[in-house]
Amino acid sequence: MPIFEYECRECGSKFEKFVPSSLEKVTCKSCASPRVAQMLSVFAVTGHSEGLAAAEPGPCACGAPRRGMCGE
């Protein structure tokens, strides 16, 4: 079920809501106004960053021939 972010055009409140259907009416959680606008959301992925740095091609800032080879 997708989570969408909204901003109320009446009171300016921002909130998230699970929306199982595009036909569902969304109202503001603060003032109950139906005048809400869907905001642009970004997809976030969390994880361990060391693996990403080691996999990146190209020389490292420390002078090693590849990233992840610092001190070798």
PDB file of N, CA and C in Angstrom:
ATOM      1  N   MET A   1       0.845  -1.170   0.000  1.00  0.00           N
ATOM      2  CA  MET A   1       0.000   0.000   0.000  1.00  0.00           C
ATOM      3  C   MET A   1       0.893   1.236   0.000  1.00  0.00           C
ATOM      4  N   PRO A   2       0.697   2.142  -0.953  1.00  0.00           N
ATOM      5  CA  PRO A   2       1.572   3.321  -1.044  1.00  0.00           C
ATOM      6  C   PRO A   2       1.301   4.350   0.046  1.00  0.00           C
ATOM      7  N   ILE A   3       2.352   5.038   0.451  1.00  0.00           N
ATOM      8  CA  ILE A   3       2.257   6.152   1.382  1.00  0.00           C
ATOM      9  C   ILE A   3       2.488   7.421   0.570  1.00  0.00           C
ATOM     10  N   PHE A   4       1.584   8.368   0.700  1.00  0.00           N
ATOM     11  CA  PHE A   4       1.720   9.630  -0.008  1.00  0.00           C
ATOM     12  C   PHE A   4       1.870  10.763   0.997  1.00  0.00           C
ATOM     13  N   GLU A   5       2.545  11.833   0.579  1.00  0.00           N
ATOM     14  CA  GLU A   5       2.696  13.029   1.398  1.00  0.00           C
ATOM     15  C   GLU A   5       1.774  14.097   0.823  1.00  0.00           C
ATOM     16  N   TYR A   6       1.110  14.821   1.732  1.00  0.00           N
ATOM     17  CA  TYR A   6       0.165  15.853   1.327  1.00  0.00           C
ATOM     18  C   TYR A   6       0.444  17.152   2.074  1.00  0.00           C
ATOM     19  N   GLU A   7      -0.013  18.253   1.475  1.00  0.00           N
ATOM     20  CA  GLU A   7       0.022  19.552   2.132  1.00  0.00           C
ATOM     21  C   GLU A   7      -1.372  20.161   2.010  1.00  0.00           C
ATOM     22  N   CYS A   8      -1.893  20.652   3.130  1.00  0.00           N
ATOM     23  CA  CYS A   8      -3.219  21.257   3.150  1.00  0.00           C
ATOM     24  C   CYS A   8      -3.133  22.674   2.578  1.00  0.00           C
ATOM     25  N   ARG A   9      -4.042  23.001   1.666  1.00  0.00           N
ATOM     26  CA  ARG A   9      -4.092  24.338   1.059  1.00  0.00           C
ATOM     27  C   ARG A   9      -4.781  25.345   1.984  1.00  0.00           C
ATOM     28  N   GLU A  10      -5.472  24.864   3.008  1.00  0.00           N
ATOM     29  CA  GLU A  10      -6.161  25.746   3.945  1.00  0.00           C
ATOM     30  C   GLU A  10      -5.243  26.162   5.093  1.00  0.00           C
ATOM     31  N   CYS A  11      -4.666  25.180   5.811  1.00  0.00           N
ATOM     32  CA  CYS A  11      -3.896  25.502   7.019  1.00  0.00           C
ATOM     33  C   CYS A  11      -2.385  25.314   6.861  1.00  0.00           C
ATOM     34  N   GLY A  12      -1.937  24.726   5.733  1.00  0.00           N
ATOM     35  CA  GLY A  12      -0.510  24.550   5.494  1.00  0.00           C
ATOM     36  C   GLY A  12       0.099  23.330   6.157  1.00  0.00           C
ATOM     37  N   SER A  13      -0.712  22.540   6.838  1.00  0.00           N
ATOM     38  CA  SER A  13      -0.229  21.337   7.513  1.00  0.00           C
ATOM     39  C   SER A  13       0.278  20.315   6.495  1.00  0.00           C
ATOM     40  N   LYS A  14       1.350  19.617   6.839  1.00  0.00           N
ATOM     41  CA  LYS A  14       1.893  18.558   5.984  1.00  0.00           C
ATOM     42  C   LYS A  14       1.715  17.239   6.716  1.00  0.00           C
ATOM     43  N   PHE A  15       1.308  16.192   5.978  1.00  0.00           N
ATOM     44  CA  PHE A  15       1.064  14.899   6.597  1.00  0.00           C
ATOM     45  C   PHE A  15       1.235  13.781   5.581  1.00  0.00           C
ATOM     46  N   GLU A  16       1.386  12.556   6.100  1.00  0.00           N
ATOM     47  CA  GLU A  16       1.486  11.362   5.263  1.00  0.00           C
ATOM     48  C   GLU A  16       0.231  10.533   5.454  1.00  0.00           C
ATOM     49  N   LYS A  17      -0.142   9.768   4.429  1.00  0.00           N
ATOM     50  CA  LYS A  17      -1.326   8.931   4.520  1.00  0.00           C
ATOM     51  C   LYS A  17      -1.160   7.693   3.653  1.00  0.00           C
ATOM     52  N   PHE A  18      -1.583   6.541   4.191  1.00  0.00           N
ATOM     53  CA  PHE A  18      -1.669   5.326   3.392  1.00  0.00           C
ATOM     54  C   PHE A  18      -2.891   5.471   2.503  1.00  0.00           C
ATOM     55  N   VAL A  19      -2.719   5.287   1.191  1.00  0.00           N
ATOM     56  CA  VAL A  19      -3.836   5.435   0.263  1.00  0.00           C
ATOM     57  C   VAL A  19      -3.966   4.154  -0.555  1.00  0.00           C
ATOM     58  N   PRO A  20      -4.918   3.285  -0.176  1.00  0.00           N
ATOM     59  CA  PRO A  20      -5.065   2.014  -0.882  1.00  0.00           C
ATOM     60  C   PRO A  20      -5.670   2.150  -2.273  1.00  0.00           C
ATOM     61  N   SER A  21      -6.372   3.249  -2.557  1.00  0.00           N
ATOM     62  CA  SER A  21      -7.028   3.428  -3.851  1.00  0.00           C
ATOM     63  C   SER A  21      -6.925   4.886  -4.277  1.00  0.00           C
ATOM     64  N   SER A  22      -6.769   5.098  -5.574  1.00  0.00           N
ATOM     65  CA  SER A  22      -6.698   6.472  -6.080  1.00  0.00           C
ATOM     66  C   SER A  22      -8.057   7.166  -5.994  1.00  0.00           C
ATOM     67  N   LEU A  23      -9.119   6.408  -5.741  1.00  0.00           N
ATOM     68  CA  LEU A  23     -10.459   6.975  -5.627  1.00  0.00           C
ATOM     69  C   LEU A  23     -10.767   7.465  -4.217  1.00  0.00           C
ATOM     70  N   GLU A  24      -9.910   7.146  -3.248  1.00  0.00           N
ATOM     71  CA  GLU A  24     -10.145   7.550  -1.865  1.00  0.00           C
ATOM     72  C   GLU A  24      -9.976   9.055  -1.711  1.00  0.00           C
ATOM     73  N   LYS A  25     -10.911   9.687  -1.020  1.00  0.00           N
ATOM     74  CA  LYS A  25     -10.842  11.121  -0.744  1.00  0.00           C
ATOM     75  C   LYS A  25      -9.893  11.351   0.423  1.00  0.00           C
ATOM     76  N   VAL A  26      -8.976  12.294   0.273  1.00  0.00           N
ATOM     77  CA  VAL A  26      -8.012  12.616   1.323  1.00  0.00           C
ATOM     78  C   VAL A  26      -8.375  13.967   1.904  1.00  0.00           C
ATOM     79  N   THR A  27      -8.434  14.034   3.233  1.00  0.00           N
ATOM     80  CA  THR A  27      -8.701  15.296   3.913  1.00  0.00           C
ATOM     81  C   THR A  27      -7.566  15.566   4.893  1.00  0.00           C
ATOM     82  N   CYS A  28      -7.394  16.838   5.227  1.00  0.00           N
ATOM     83  CA  CYS A  28      -6.341  17.267   6.142  1.00  0.00           C
ATOM     84  C   CYS A  28      -6.565  16.686   7.533  1.00  0.00           C
ATOM     85  N   LYS A  29      -5.493  16.186   8.135  1.00  0.00           N
ATOM     86  CA  LYS A  29      -5.582  15.624   9.481  1.00  0.00           C
ATOM     87  C   LYS A  29      -5.786  16.707  10.534  1.00  0.00           C
ATOM     88  N   SER A  30      -5.371  17.942  10.252  1.00  0.00           N
ATOM     89  CA  SER A  30      -5.490  19.025  11.234  1.00  0.00           C
ATOM     90  C   SER A  30      -6.832  19.742  11.180  1.00  0.00           C
ATOM     91  N   CYS A  31      -7.279  20.117   9.969  1.00  0.00           N
ATOM     92  CA  CYS A  31      -8.494  20.936   9.867  1.00  0.00           C
ATOM     93  C   CYS A  31      -9.626  20.267   9.092  1.00  0.00           C
ATOM     94  N   ALA A  32      -9.406  19.049   8.592  1.00  0.00           N
ATOM     95  CA  ALA A  32     -10.408  18.258   7.854  1.00  0.00           C
ATOM     96  C   ALA A  32     -10.798  18.856   6.503  1.00  0.00           C
ATOM     97  N   SER A  33     -10.008  19.784   5.999  1.00  0.00           N
ATOM     98  CA  SER A  33     -10.286  20.384   4.697  1.00  0.00           C
ATOM     99  C   SER A  33     -10.000  19.377   3.580  1.00  0.00           C
ATOM    100  N   PRO A  34     -10.845  19.344   2.548  1.00  0.00           N
ATOM    101  CA  PRO A  34     -10.564  18.478   1.400  1.00  0.00           C
ATOM    102  C   PRO A  34      -9.582  19.110   0.413  1.00  0.00           C
ATOM    103  N   ARG A  35      -9.178  20.354   0.665  1.00  0.00           N
ATOM    104  CA  ARG A  35      -8.254  21.066  -0.232  1.00  0.00           C
ATOM    105  C   ARG A  35      -6.810  20.697   0.111  1.00  0.00           C
ATOM    106  N   VAL A  36      -6.381  19.506  -0.326  1.00  0.00           N
ATOM    107  CA  VAL A  36      -5.018  19.037  -0.085  1.00  0.00           C
ATOM    108  C   VAL A  36      -4.334  18.781  -1.423  1.00  0.00           C
ATOM    109  N   ALA A  37      -3.032  18.942  -1.435  1.00  0.00           N
ATOM    110  CA  ALA A  37      -2.240  18.699  -2.645  1.00  0.00           C
ATOM    111  C   ALA A  37      -1.210  17.626  -2.339  1.00  0.00           C
ATOM    112  N   GLN A  38      -1.097  16.687  -3.265  1.00  0.00           N
ATOM    113  CA  GLN A  38      -0.097  15.638  -3.097  1.00  0.00           C
ATOM    114  C   GLN A  38       1.273  16.236  -3.384  1.00  0.00           C
ATOM    115  N   MET A  39       2.221  15.968  -2.491  1.00  0.00           N
ATOM    116  CA  MET A  39       3.577  16.500  -2.639  1.00  0.00           C
ATOM    117  C   MET A  39       4.457  15.481  -3.349  1.00  0.00           C
ATOM    118  N   LEU A  40       5.525  15.954  -3.939  1.00  0.00           N
ATOM    119  CA  LEU A  40       6.499  15.090  -4.578  1.00  0.00           C
ATOM    120  C   LEU A  40       7.333  14.416  -3.501  1.00  0.00           C
ATOM    121  N   SER A  41       7.331  13.104  -3.483  1.00  0.00           N
ATOM    122  CA  SER A  41       8.084  12.346  -2.490  1.00  0.00           C
ATOM    123  C   SER A  41       9.307  11.731  -3.149  1.00  0.00           C
ATOM    124  N   VAL A  42      10.325  11.491  -2.336  1.00  0.00           N
ATOM    125  CA  VAL A  42      11.524  10.831  -2.832  1.00  0.00           C
ATOM    126  C   VAL A  42      11.616   9.455  -2.211  1.00  0.00           C
ATOM    127  N   PHE A  43      12.184   8.536  -2.952  1.00  0.00           N
ATOM    128  CA  PHE A  43      12.361   7.173  -2.478  1.00  0.00           C
ATOM    129  C   PHE A  43      13.696   7.105  -1.749  1.00  0.00           C
ATOM    130  N   ALA A  44      13.688   6.592  -0.548  1.00  0.00           N
ATOM    131  CA  ALA A  44      14.910   6.514   0.247  1.00  0.00           C
ATOM    132  C   ALA A  44      15.272   5.068   0.522  1.00  0.00           C
ATOM    133  N   VAL A  45      16.544   4.770   0.406  1.00  0.00           N
ATOM    134  CA  VAL A  45      17.054   3.449   0.713  1.00  0.00           C
ATOM    135  C   VAL A  45      18.172   3.628   1.720  1.00  0.00           C
ATOM    136  N   THR A  46      18.132   2.859   2.773  1.00  0.00           N
ATOM    137  CA  THR A  46      19.210   2.941   3.751  1.00  0.00           C
ATOM    138  C   THR A  46      20.037   1.676   3.668  1.00  0.00           C
ATOM    139  N   GLY A  47      21.269   1.794   4.026  1.00  0.00           N
ATOM    140  CA  GLY A  47      22.156   0.646   4.003  1.00  0.00           C
ATOM    141  C   GLY A  47      23.540   1.039   4.450  1.00  0.00           C
ATOM    142  N   HIS A  48      24.421   0.104   4.394  1.00  0.00           N
ATOM    143  CA  HIS A  48      25.798   0.315   4.822  1.00  0.00           C
ATOM    144  C   HIS A  48      26.553   0.978   3.689  1.00  0.00           C
ATOM    145  N   SER A  49      27.202   2.094   3.933  1.00  0.00           N
ATOM    146  CA  SER A  49      27.839   2.867   2.870  1.00  0.00           C
ATOM    147  C   SER A  49      29.232   2.367   2.488  1.00  0.00           C
ATOM    148  N   GLU A  50      29.910   1.607   3.344  1.00  0.00           N
ATOM    149  CA  GLU A  50      31.260   1.147   3.006  1.00  0.00           C
ATOM    150  C   GLU A  50      31.259   0.259   1.775  1.00  0.00           C
ATOM    151  N   GLY A  51      30.262  -0.589   1.644  1.00  0.00           N
ATOM    152  CA  GLY A  51      30.171  -1.463   0.475  1.00  0.00           C
ATOM    153  C   GLY A  51      30.008  -0.673  -0.802  1.00  0.00           C
ATOM    154  N   LEU A  52      29.271   0.418  -0.731  1.00  0.00           N
ATOM    155  CA  LEU A  52      29.085   1.263  -1.904  1.00  0.00           C
ATOM    156  C   LEU A  52      30.384   1.959  -2.282  1.00  0.00           C
ATOM    157  N   ALA A  53      31.121   2.454  -1.313  1.00  0.00           N
ATOM    158  CA  ALA A  53      32.372   3.151  -1.602  1.00  0.00           C
ATOM    159  C   ALA A  53      33.389   2.196  -2.213  1.00  0.00           C
ATOM    160  N   ALA A  54      33.425   0.963  -1.734  1.00  0.00           N
ATOM    161  CA  ALA A  54      34.392  -0.001  -2.246  1.00  0.00           C
ATOM    162  C   ALA A  54      34.066  -0.408  -3.678  1.00  0.00           C
ATOM    163  N   ALA A  55      32.802  -0.347  -4.057  1.00  0.00           N
ATOM    164  CA  ALA A  55      32.401  -0.785  -5.383  1.00  0.00           C
ATOM    165  C   ALA A  55      32.537   0.312  -6.433  1.00  0.00           C
ATOM    166  N   GLU A  56      32.745   1.551  -6.023  1.00  0.00           N
ATOM    167  CA  GLU A  56      32.838   2.643  -6.978  1.00  0.00           C
ATOM    168  C   GLU A  56      34.149   2.565  -7.755  1.00  0.00           C
ATOM    169  N   PRO A  57      34.097   2.734  -9.076  1.00  0.00           N
ATOM    170  CA  PRO A  57      35.317   2.689  -9.882  1.00  0.00           C
ATOM    171  C   PRO A  57      36.100   3.992  -9.764  1.00  0.00           C
ATOM    172  N   GLY A  58      37.313   3.946 -10.200  1.00  0.00           N
ATOM    173  CA  GLY A  58      38.128   5.157 -10.249  1.00  0.00           C
ATOM    174  C   GLY A  58      39.068   5.286  -9.074  1.00  0.00           C
ATOM    175  N   PRO A  59      40.025   6.206  -9.183  1.00  0.00           N
ATOM    176  CA  PRO A  59      41.017   6.376  -8.120  1.00  0.00           C
ATOM    177  C   PRO A  59      40.385   6.996  -6.873  1.00  0.00           C
ATOM    178  N   CYS A  60      40.999   6.682  -5.744  1.00  0.00           N
ATOM    179  CA  CYS A  60      40.549   7.231  -4.465  1.00  0.00           C
ATOM    180  C   CYS A  60      41.267   8.554  -4.216  1.00  0.00           C
ATOM    181  N   ALA A  61      40.664   9.391  -3.377  1.00  0.00           N
ATOM    182  CA  ALA A  61      41.267  10.677  -3.045  1.00  0.00           C
ATOM    183  C   ALA A  61      42.600  10.511  -2.309  1.00  0.00           C
ATOM    184  N   CYS A  62      42.820   9.338  -1.674  1.00  0.00           N
ATOM    185  CA  CYS A  62      44.056   9.113  -0.935  1.00  0.00           C
ATOM    186  C   CYS A  62      45.214   8.739  -1.864  1.00  0.00           C
ATOM    187  N   GLY A  63      44.923   8.473  -3.129  1.00  0.00           N
ATOM    188  CA  GLY A  63      45.973   8.104  -4.071  1.00  0.00           C
ATOM    189  C   GLY A  63      45.957   6.627  -4.442  1.00  0.00           C
ATOM    190  N   ALA A  64      45.148   5.818  -3.789  1.00  0.00           N
ATOM    191  CA  ALA A  64      45.048   4.387  -4.133  1.00  0.00           C
ATOM    192  C   ALA A  64      44.469   4.252  -5.545  1.00  0.00           C
ATOM    193  N   PRO A  65      44.824   3.174  -6.281  1.00  0.00           N
ATOM    194  CA  PRO A  65      44.355   3.026  -7.648  1.00  0.00           C
ATOM    195  C   PRO A  65      42.838   2.834  -7.749  1.00  0.00           C
ATOM    196  N   ARG A  66      42.193   2.295  -6.726  1.00  0.00           N
ATOM    197  CA  ARG A  66      40.739   2.111  -6.729  1.00  0.00           C
ATOM    198  C   ARG A  66      40.195   2.474  -5.361  1.00  0.00           C
ATOM    199  N   ARG A  67      38.958   2.927  -5.318  1.00  0.00           N
ATOM    200  CA  ARG A  67      38.324   3.215  -4.037  1.00  0.00           C
ATOM    201  C   ARG A  67      38.185   1.934  -3.245  1.00  0.00           C
ATOM    202  N   GLY A  68      38.372   2.033  -1.945  1.00  0.00           N
ATOM    203  CA  GLY A  68      38.301   0.866  -1.080  1.00  0.00           C
ATOM    204  C   GLY A  68      39.658   0.217  -0.849  1.00  0.00           C
ATOM    205  N   MET A  69      40.701   0.713  -1.520  1.00  0.00           N
ATOM    206  CA  MET A  69      42.041   0.136  -1.371  1.00  0.00           C
ATOM    207  C   MET A  69      42.948   1.029  -0.520  1.00  0.00           C
ATOM    208  N   CYS A  70      42.387   1.981   0.207  1.00  0.00           N
ATOM    209  CA  CYS A  70      43.179   2.892   1.031  1.00  0.00           C
ATOM    210  C   CYS A  70      44.029   2.123   2.022  1.00  0.00           C
ATOM    211  N   GLY A  71      45.262   2.456   2.108  1.00  0.00           N
ATOM    212  CA  GLY A  71      46.168   1.830   3.078  1.00  0.00           C
ATOM    213  C   GLY A  71      46.680   0.473   2.685  1.00  0.00           C
ATOM    214  N   GLU A  72      46.364  -0.016   1.503  1.00  0.00           N
ATOM    215  CA  GLU A  72      46.868  -1.346   1.078  1.00  0.00           C
ATOM    216  C   GLU A  72      48.204  -1.220   0.410  1.00  0.00           C
TER     217      GLU A  72
END
